[in-house]
Amino acid sequence: MIYELRQYECLPGKLAAVVERFRREVAPLWKEMEIQCLGFWTTAVGPNDQTLHYILAWRSLADRDARWQTFVQDPRWQAAKANTELAGPLVARISNILMRPANVMEIVAEPAEQIFCAPPADR
């Protein structure tokens, strides 16, 4: 397994819009495309409280490259991105790192084959 940590440094006041875009637009696409997401986090303590962090799990680098390209080239994602940025960009900077498990401690649980980020039920 390869794990990808992605961090989105949002422009001031845009974190909520980025979270909502992931919740409403991205998560359903990822579920359909079988992109495994381990979770999303915001910064609780740190230098930038306008950052969204998430971790994806991939079977291999080839799996990552193929699925990510399918996602970014999907017309539904391109339309969602364009529609949510009509008033300007939401994100100042995106960073990512690809990680392999280190042989320090046993990994308690690998992601199951059918774990996906899914938007919470609307209240």
N, C-alpha and C. Protein backbone atom coordinates (compact mmCIF):
# COMPACT_ATOMS: atom_id res chain seq x y z
N MET A 1 0.85 -1.19 0.00
CA MET A 1 0.00 0.00 0.00
C MET A 1 0.89 1.24 0.00
N ILE A 2 0.39 2.25 -0.68
CA ILE A 2 1.00 3.57 -0.69
C ILE A 2 -0.04 4.52 -0.10
N TYR A 3 0.40 5.40 0.78
CA TYR A 3 -0.50 6.38 1.39
C TYR A 3 -0.09 7.76 0.91
N GLU A 4 -1.09 8.57 0.62
CA GLU A 4 -0.83 9.93 0.14
C GLU A 4 -1.45 10.93 1.10
N LEU A 5 -0.60 11.78 1.64
CA LEU A 5 -1.06 12.89 2.48
C LEU A 5 -1.12 14.12 1.58
N ARG A 6 -2.31 14.69 1.48
CA ARG A 6 -2.50 15.90 0.68
C ARG A 6 -2.96 17.02 1.60
N GLN A 7 -2.40 18.21 1.37
CA GLN A 7 -2.73 19.37 2.20
C GLN A 7 -3.10 20.54 1.29
N TYR A 8 -4.25 21.13 1.60
CA TYR A 8 -4.75 22.26 0.82
C TYR A 8 -4.73 23.49 1.72
N GLU A 9 -3.80 24.40 1.44
CA GLU A 9 -3.74 25.67 2.17
C GLU A 9 -4.72 26.61 1.50
N CYS A 10 -5.82 26.87 2.19
CA CYS A 10 -6.90 27.66 1.62
C CYS A 10 -6.61 29.15 1.73
N LEU A 11 -7.15 29.89 0.80
CA LEU A 11 -7.08 31.35 0.90
C LEU A 11 -7.90 31.78 2.11
N PRO A 12 -7.60 32.95 2.69
CA PRO A 12 -8.31 33.38 3.90
C PRO A 12 -9.83 33.32 3.73
N GLY A 13 -10.48 32.67 4.69
CA GLY A 13 -11.93 32.57 4.70
C GLY A 13 -12.53 31.54 3.75
N LYS A 14 -11.71 30.75 3.06
CA LYS A 14 -12.22 29.82 2.05
C LYS A 14 -12.23 28.36 2.49
N LEU A 15 -11.77 28.06 3.71
CA LEU A 15 -11.72 26.67 4.16
C LEU A 15 -13.09 26.01 4.12
N ALA A 16 -14.12 26.68 4.60
CA ALA A 16 -15.46 26.08 4.62
C ALA A 16 -15.93 25.74 3.21
N ALA A 17 -15.63 26.60 2.24
CA ALA A 17 -16.03 26.33 0.85
C ALA A 17 -15.28 25.12 0.29
N VAL A 18 -14.01 24.98 0.65
CA VAL A 18 -13.23 23.82 0.18
C VAL A 18 -13.78 22.54 0.80
N VAL A 19 -14.06 22.58 2.11
CA VAL A 19 -14.63 21.41 2.78
C VAL A 19 -15.95 21.03 2.12
N GLU A 20 -16.78 22.00 1.86
CA GLU A 20 -18.09 21.73 1.24
C GLU A 20 -17.92 21.16 -0.16
N ARG A 21 -16.95 21.65 -0.92
CA ARG A 21 -16.72 21.11 -2.27
C ARG A 21 -16.31 19.64 -2.19
N PHE A 22 -15.44 19.30 -1.25
CA PHE A 22 -15.07 17.90 -1.08
C PHE A 22 -16.28 17.07 -0.66
N ARG A 23 -17.05 17.60 0.26
CA ARG A 23 -18.20 16.86 0.79
C ARG A 23 -19.25 16.59 -0.29
N ARG A 24 -19.59 17.61 -1.04
CA ARG A 24 -20.69 17.50 -2.00
C ARG A 24 -20.26 17.00 -3.39
N GLU A 25 -19.09 17.38 -3.83
CA GLU A 25 -18.68 17.10 -5.21
C GLU A 25 -17.65 15.97 -5.32
N VAL A 26 -16.62 16.03 -4.49
CA VAL A 26 -15.50 15.10 -4.65
C VAL A 26 -15.80 13.73 -4.07
N ALA A 27 -16.29 13.68 -2.84
CA ALA A 27 -16.52 12.38 -2.18
C ALA A 27 -17.39 11.43 -3.02
N PRO A 28 -18.49 11.89 -3.60
CA PRO A 28 -19.28 10.97 -4.43
C PRO A 28 -18.51 10.46 -5.66
N LEU A 29 -17.70 11.32 -6.26
CA LEU A 29 -16.89 10.87 -7.40
C LEU A 29 -15.87 9.84 -6.97
N TRP A 30 -15.20 10.10 -5.84
CA TRP A 30 -14.20 9.15 -5.35
C TRP A 30 -14.85 7.80 -5.04
N LYS A 31 -16.03 7.82 -4.47
CA LYS A 31 -16.70 6.55 -4.18
C LYS A 31 -16.94 5.78 -5.47
N GLU A 32 -17.45 6.46 -6.47
CA GLU A 32 -17.71 5.83 -7.76
C GLU A 32 -16.42 5.31 -8.40
N MET A 33 -15.33 6.05 -8.25
CA MET A 33 -14.05 5.70 -8.86
C MET A 33 -13.20 4.76 -8.00
N GLU A 34 -13.75 4.40 -6.84
CA GLU A 34 -13.06 3.52 -5.89
C GLU A 34 -11.72 4.09 -5.45
N ILE A 35 -11.70 5.38 -5.19
CA ILE A 35 -10.54 6.04 -4.58
C ILE A 35 -10.75 5.96 -3.08
N GLN A 36 -9.82 5.31 -2.39
CA GLN A 36 -9.97 5.05 -0.96
C GLN A 36 -9.41 6.23 -0.15
N CYS A 37 -10.28 6.84 0.63
CA CYS A 37 -9.90 7.96 1.49
C CYS A 37 -9.98 7.50 2.94
N LEU A 38 -8.91 7.75 3.70
CA LEU A 38 -8.91 7.36 5.11
C LEU A 38 -9.52 8.42 6.00
N GLY A 39 -9.61 9.65 5.52
CA GLY A 39 -10.25 10.69 6.31
C GLY A 39 -9.76 12.08 5.96
N PHE A 40 -10.49 13.05 6.46
CA PHE A 40 -10.18 14.47 6.29
C PHE A 40 -9.97 15.09 7.66
N TRP A 41 -9.07 16.07 7.74
CA TRP A 41 -8.80 16.77 8.98
C TRP A 41 -8.57 18.25 8.68
N THR A 42 -8.88 19.09 9.66
CA THR A 42 -8.47 20.49 9.61
C THR A 42 -7.47 20.70 10.73
N THR A 43 -6.70 21.75 10.63
CA THR A 43 -5.66 22.03 11.62
C THR A 43 -6.29 22.51 12.91
N ALA A 44 -6.00 21.81 14.01
CA ALA A 44 -6.49 22.22 15.33
C ALA A 44 -5.50 23.18 15.98
N VAL A 45 -4.23 22.86 15.90
CA VAL A 45 -3.16 23.70 16.45
C VAL A 45 -2.03 23.67 15.44
N GLY A 46 -1.55 24.80 15.05
CA GLY A 46 -0.47 24.85 14.08
C GLY A 46 -0.41 26.20 13.41
N PRO A 47 0.52 26.35 12.50
CA PRO A 47 0.75 27.66 11.90
C PRO A 47 -0.34 28.13 10.95
N ASN A 48 -1.15 27.23 10.42
CA ASN A 48 -2.17 27.66 9.45
C ASN A 48 -3.47 26.91 9.73
N ASP A 49 -4.44 27.61 10.30
CA ASP A 49 -5.72 26.97 10.62
C ASP A 49 -6.67 26.98 9.42
N GLN A 50 -6.16 27.34 8.26
CA GLN A 50 -6.96 27.34 7.03
C GLN A 50 -6.49 26.24 6.08
N THR A 51 -6.06 25.11 6.66
CA THR A 51 -5.54 24.00 5.86
C THR A 51 -6.43 22.78 6.03
N LEU A 52 -6.76 22.15 4.91
CA LEU A 52 -7.48 20.88 4.91
C LEU A 52 -6.47 19.78 4.58
N HIS A 53 -6.45 18.73 5.39
CA HIS A 53 -5.54 17.60 5.21
C HIS A 53 -6.39 16.36 4.95
N TYR A 54 -5.92 15.48 4.08
CA TYR A 54 -6.57 14.18 3.94
C TYR A 54 -5.55 13.15 3.51
N ILE A 55 -5.90 11.88 3.75
CA ILE A 55 -5.02 10.77 3.40
C ILE A 55 -5.78 9.81 2.50
N LEU A 56 -5.14 9.47 1.39
CA LEU A 56 -5.67 8.48 0.45
C LEU A 56 -4.81 7.23 0.52
N ALA A 57 -5.41 6.08 0.26
CA ALA A 57 -4.69 4.81 0.24
C ALA A 57 -4.74 4.26 -1.18
N TRP A 58 -3.59 3.83 -1.67
CA TRP A 58 -3.46 3.31 -3.02
C TRP A 58 -2.83 1.92 -2.97
N ARG A 59 -3.21 1.07 -3.88
CA ARG A 59 -2.62 -0.28 -3.95
C ARG A 59 -1.16 -0.23 -4.39
N SER A 60 -0.84 0.75 -5.25
CA SER A 60 0.52 0.89 -5.79
C SER A 60 0.65 2.28 -6.40
N LEU A 61 1.86 2.64 -6.80
CA LEU A 61 2.04 3.92 -7.48
C LEU A 61 1.30 3.94 -8.82
N ALA A 62 1.30 2.81 -9.51
CA ALA A 62 0.58 2.74 -10.78
C ALA A 62 -0.92 2.93 -10.57
N ASP A 63 -1.45 2.33 -9.50
CA ASP A 63 -2.87 2.50 -9.16
C ASP A 63 -3.16 3.96 -8.89
N ARG A 64 -2.29 4.61 -8.13
CA ARG A 64 -2.46 6.02 -7.80
C ARG A 64 -2.48 6.86 -9.07
N ASP A 65 -1.48 6.65 -9.91
CA ASP A 65 -1.38 7.46 -11.13
C ASP A 65 -2.62 7.28 -12.01
N ALA A 66 -3.06 6.06 -12.19
CA ALA A 66 -4.21 5.80 -13.07
C ALA A 66 -5.49 6.39 -12.50
N ARG A 67 -5.77 6.13 -11.23
CA ARG A 67 -7.02 6.62 -10.63
C ARG A 67 -7.02 8.15 -10.51
N TRP A 68 -5.89 8.73 -10.15
CA TRP A 68 -5.84 10.19 -9.99
C TRP A 68 -6.05 10.87 -11.33
N GLN A 69 -5.43 10.35 -12.38
CA GLN A 69 -5.63 10.93 -13.71
C GLN A 69 -7.08 10.82 -14.16
N THR A 70 -7.70 9.68 -13.88
CA THR A 70 -9.12 9.52 -14.21
C THR A 70 -9.95 10.57 -13.49
N PHE A 71 -9.64 10.81 -12.21
CA PHE A 71 -10.38 11.80 -11.43
C PHE A 71 -10.18 13.21 -11.99
N VAL A 72 -8.93 13.65 -12.12
CA VAL A 72 -8.70 15.05 -12.51
C VAL A 72 -9.17 15.34 -13.94
N GLN A 73 -9.26 14.31 -14.78
CA GLN A 73 -9.73 14.51 -16.14
C GLN A 73 -11.24 14.34 -16.29
N ASP A 74 -11.91 13.94 -15.22
CA ASP A 74 -13.35 13.72 -15.29
C ASP A 74 -14.07 15.06 -15.48
N PRO A 75 -14.95 15.16 -16.47
CA PRO A 75 -15.65 16.42 -16.72
C PRO A 75 -16.49 16.89 -15.53
N ARG A 76 -16.98 15.95 -14.72
CA ARG A 76 -17.78 16.35 -13.55
C ARG A 76 -16.90 17.06 -12.53
N TRP A 77 -15.68 16.58 -12.32
CA TRP A 77 -14.76 17.26 -11.40
C TRP A 77 -14.37 18.62 -11.97
N GLN A 78 -14.05 18.66 -13.25
CA GLN A 78 -13.65 19.92 -13.86
C GLN A 78 -14.77 20.96 -13.76
N ALA A 79 -16.02 20.53 -13.96
CA ALA A 79 -17.16 21.45 -13.84
C ALA A 79 -17.35 21.89 -12.39
N ALA A 80 -17.23 20.96 -11.45
CA ALA A 80 -17.39 21.31 -10.03
C ALA A 80 -16.33 22.30 -9.60
N LYS A 81 -15.10 22.08 -10.02
CA LYS A 81 -14.01 23.00 -9.66
C LYS A 81 -14.29 24.38 -10.25
N ALA A 82 -14.65 24.42 -11.52
CA ALA A 82 -14.92 25.71 -12.17
C ALA A 82 -16.10 26.43 -11.51
N ASN A 83 -17.17 25.71 -11.22
CA ASN A 83 -18.36 26.32 -10.62
C ASN A 83 -18.10 26.84 -9.22
N THR A 84 -17.24 26.17 -8.46
CA THR A 84 -16.98 26.62 -7.09
C THR A 84 -15.91 27.71 -7.04
N GLU A 85 -15.31 28.02 -8.19
CA GLU A 85 -14.29 29.06 -8.23
C GLU A 85 -14.69 30.23 -9.12
N LEU A 86 -16.00 30.40 -9.33
CA LEU A 86 -16.47 31.50 -10.17
C LEU A 86 -16.05 32.85 -9.61
N ALA A 87 -16.00 32.98 -8.29
CA ALA A 87 -15.62 34.24 -7.65
C ALA A 87 -14.12 34.30 -7.38
N GLY A 88 -13.38 33.31 -7.85
CA GLY A 88 -11.94 33.29 -7.64
C GLY A 88 -11.50 31.98 -7.00
N PRO A 89 -10.20 31.76 -6.96
CA PRO A 89 -9.68 30.50 -6.42
C PRO A 89 -9.97 30.37 -4.93
N LEU A 90 -10.01 29.12 -4.47
CA LEU A 90 -10.24 28.81 -3.06
C LEU A 90 -8.95 28.41 -2.35
N VAL A 91 -8.00 27.89 -3.10
CA VAL A 91 -6.80 27.29 -2.51
C VAL A 91 -5.56 28.05 -2.97
N ALA A 92 -4.70 28.37 -2.01
CA ALA A 92 -3.45 29.06 -2.33
C ALA A 92 -2.37 28.08 -2.76
N ARG A 93 -2.34 26.90 -2.11
CA ARG A 93 -1.26 25.95 -2.38
C ARG A 93 -1.71 24.55 -2.02
N ILE A 94 -1.33 23.59 -2.84
CA ILE A 94 -1.58 22.17 -2.58
C ILE A 94 -0.23 21.48 -2.48
N SER A 95 -0.08 20.68 -1.43
CA SER A 95 1.14 19.86 -1.31
C SER A 95 0.73 18.42 -1.08
N ASN A 96 1.60 17.52 -1.47
CA ASN A 96 1.33 16.11 -1.22
C ASN A 96 2.63 15.37 -1.01
N ILE A 97 2.54 14.29 -0.25
CA ILE A 97 3.66 13.36 -0.11
C ILE A 97 3.10 11.96 -0.20
N LEU A 98 3.86 11.07 -0.81
CA LEU A 98 3.50 9.66 -0.91
C LEU A 98 4.33 8.91 0.12
N MET A 99 3.66 8.05 0.90
CA MET A 99 4.32 7.39 2.03
C MET A 99 4.13 5.88 1.95
N ARG A 100 5.13 5.17 2.47
CA ARG A 100 5.03 3.72 2.66
C ARG A 100 5.08 3.47 4.16
N PRO A 101 4.43 2.42 4.64
CA PRO A 101 4.53 2.11 6.06
C PRO A 101 5.98 1.83 6.45
N ALA A 102 6.40 2.38 7.58
CA ALA A 102 7.74 2.12 8.11
C ALA A 102 7.66 0.92 9.05
N ASN A 103 8.71 0.17 9.11
CA ASN A 103 8.75 -1.02 9.94
C ASN A 103 9.09 -0.63 11.38
N VAL A 104 8.20 0.15 11.99
CA VAL A 104 8.37 0.58 13.38
C VAL A 104 7.37 -0.13 14.27
N MET A 105 6.13 -0.08 13.87
CA MET A 105 5.05 -0.74 14.59
C MET A 105 4.18 -1.43 13.56
N GLU A 106 3.51 -2.46 13.99
CA GLU A 106 2.59 -3.15 13.10
C GLU A 106 1.42 -2.24 12.77
N ILE A 107 1.04 -2.22 11.51
CA ILE A 107 -0.15 -1.46 11.11
C ILE A 107 -1.35 -2.26 11.59
N VAL A 108 -2.16 -1.63 12.40
CA VAL A 108 -3.28 -2.33 13.02
C VAL A 108 -4.34 -2.68 11.99
N ALA A 109 -4.62 -1.77 11.08
CA ALA A 109 -5.68 -2.03 10.10
C ALA A 109 -5.32 -1.40 8.77
N GLU A 110 -5.20 -2.20 7.77
CA GLU A 110 -5.09 -1.69 6.40
C GLU A 110 -6.49 -1.26 5.99
N PRO A 111 -6.61 -0.32 5.06
CA PRO A 111 -7.96 0.04 4.62
C PRO A 111 -8.63 -1.16 3.96
N ALA A 112 -9.87 -1.33 4.27
CA ALA A 112 -10.64 -2.41 3.65
C ALA A 112 -10.85 -2.09 2.17
N GLU A 113 -11.16 -3.10 1.42
CA GLU A 113 -11.37 -2.91 -0.02
C GLU A 113 -12.48 -1.90 -0.31
N GLN A 114 -13.45 -1.78 0.57
CA GLN A 114 -14.60 -0.94 0.27
C GLN A 114 -14.74 0.24 1.24
N ILE A 115 -13.63 0.78 1.72
CA ILE A 115 -13.69 1.98 2.56
C ILE A 115 -13.57 3.20 1.65
N PHE A 116 -14.51 4.09 1.75
CA PHE A 116 -14.50 5.29 0.94
C PHE A 116 -14.94 6.45 1.81
N CYS A 117 -14.48 7.63 1.47
CA CYS A 117 -15.04 8.82 2.10
C CYS A 117 -16.42 9.04 1.48
N ALA A 118 -17.37 9.23 2.30
CA ALA A 118 -18.72 9.50 1.80
C ALA A 118 -19.25 10.71 2.55
N PRO A 119 -19.98 11.56 1.88
CA PRO A 119 -20.51 12.73 2.57
C PRO A 119 -21.45 12.32 3.68
N PRO A 120 -21.38 13.02 4.82
CA PRO A 120 -22.31 12.69 5.89
C PRO A 120 -23.74 13.00 5.45
N ALA A 121 -24.67 12.29 6.04
CA ALA A 121 -26.07 12.54 5.72
C ALA A 121 -26.42 13.96 6.11
N ASP A 122 -27.13 14.64 5.25
CA ASP A 122 -27.55 16.01 5.58
C ASP A 122 -28.46 15.99 6.78
N ARG A 123 -28.25 16.96 7.62
CA ARG A 123 -29.06 17.05 8.84
C ARG A 123 -30.32 17.82 8.57
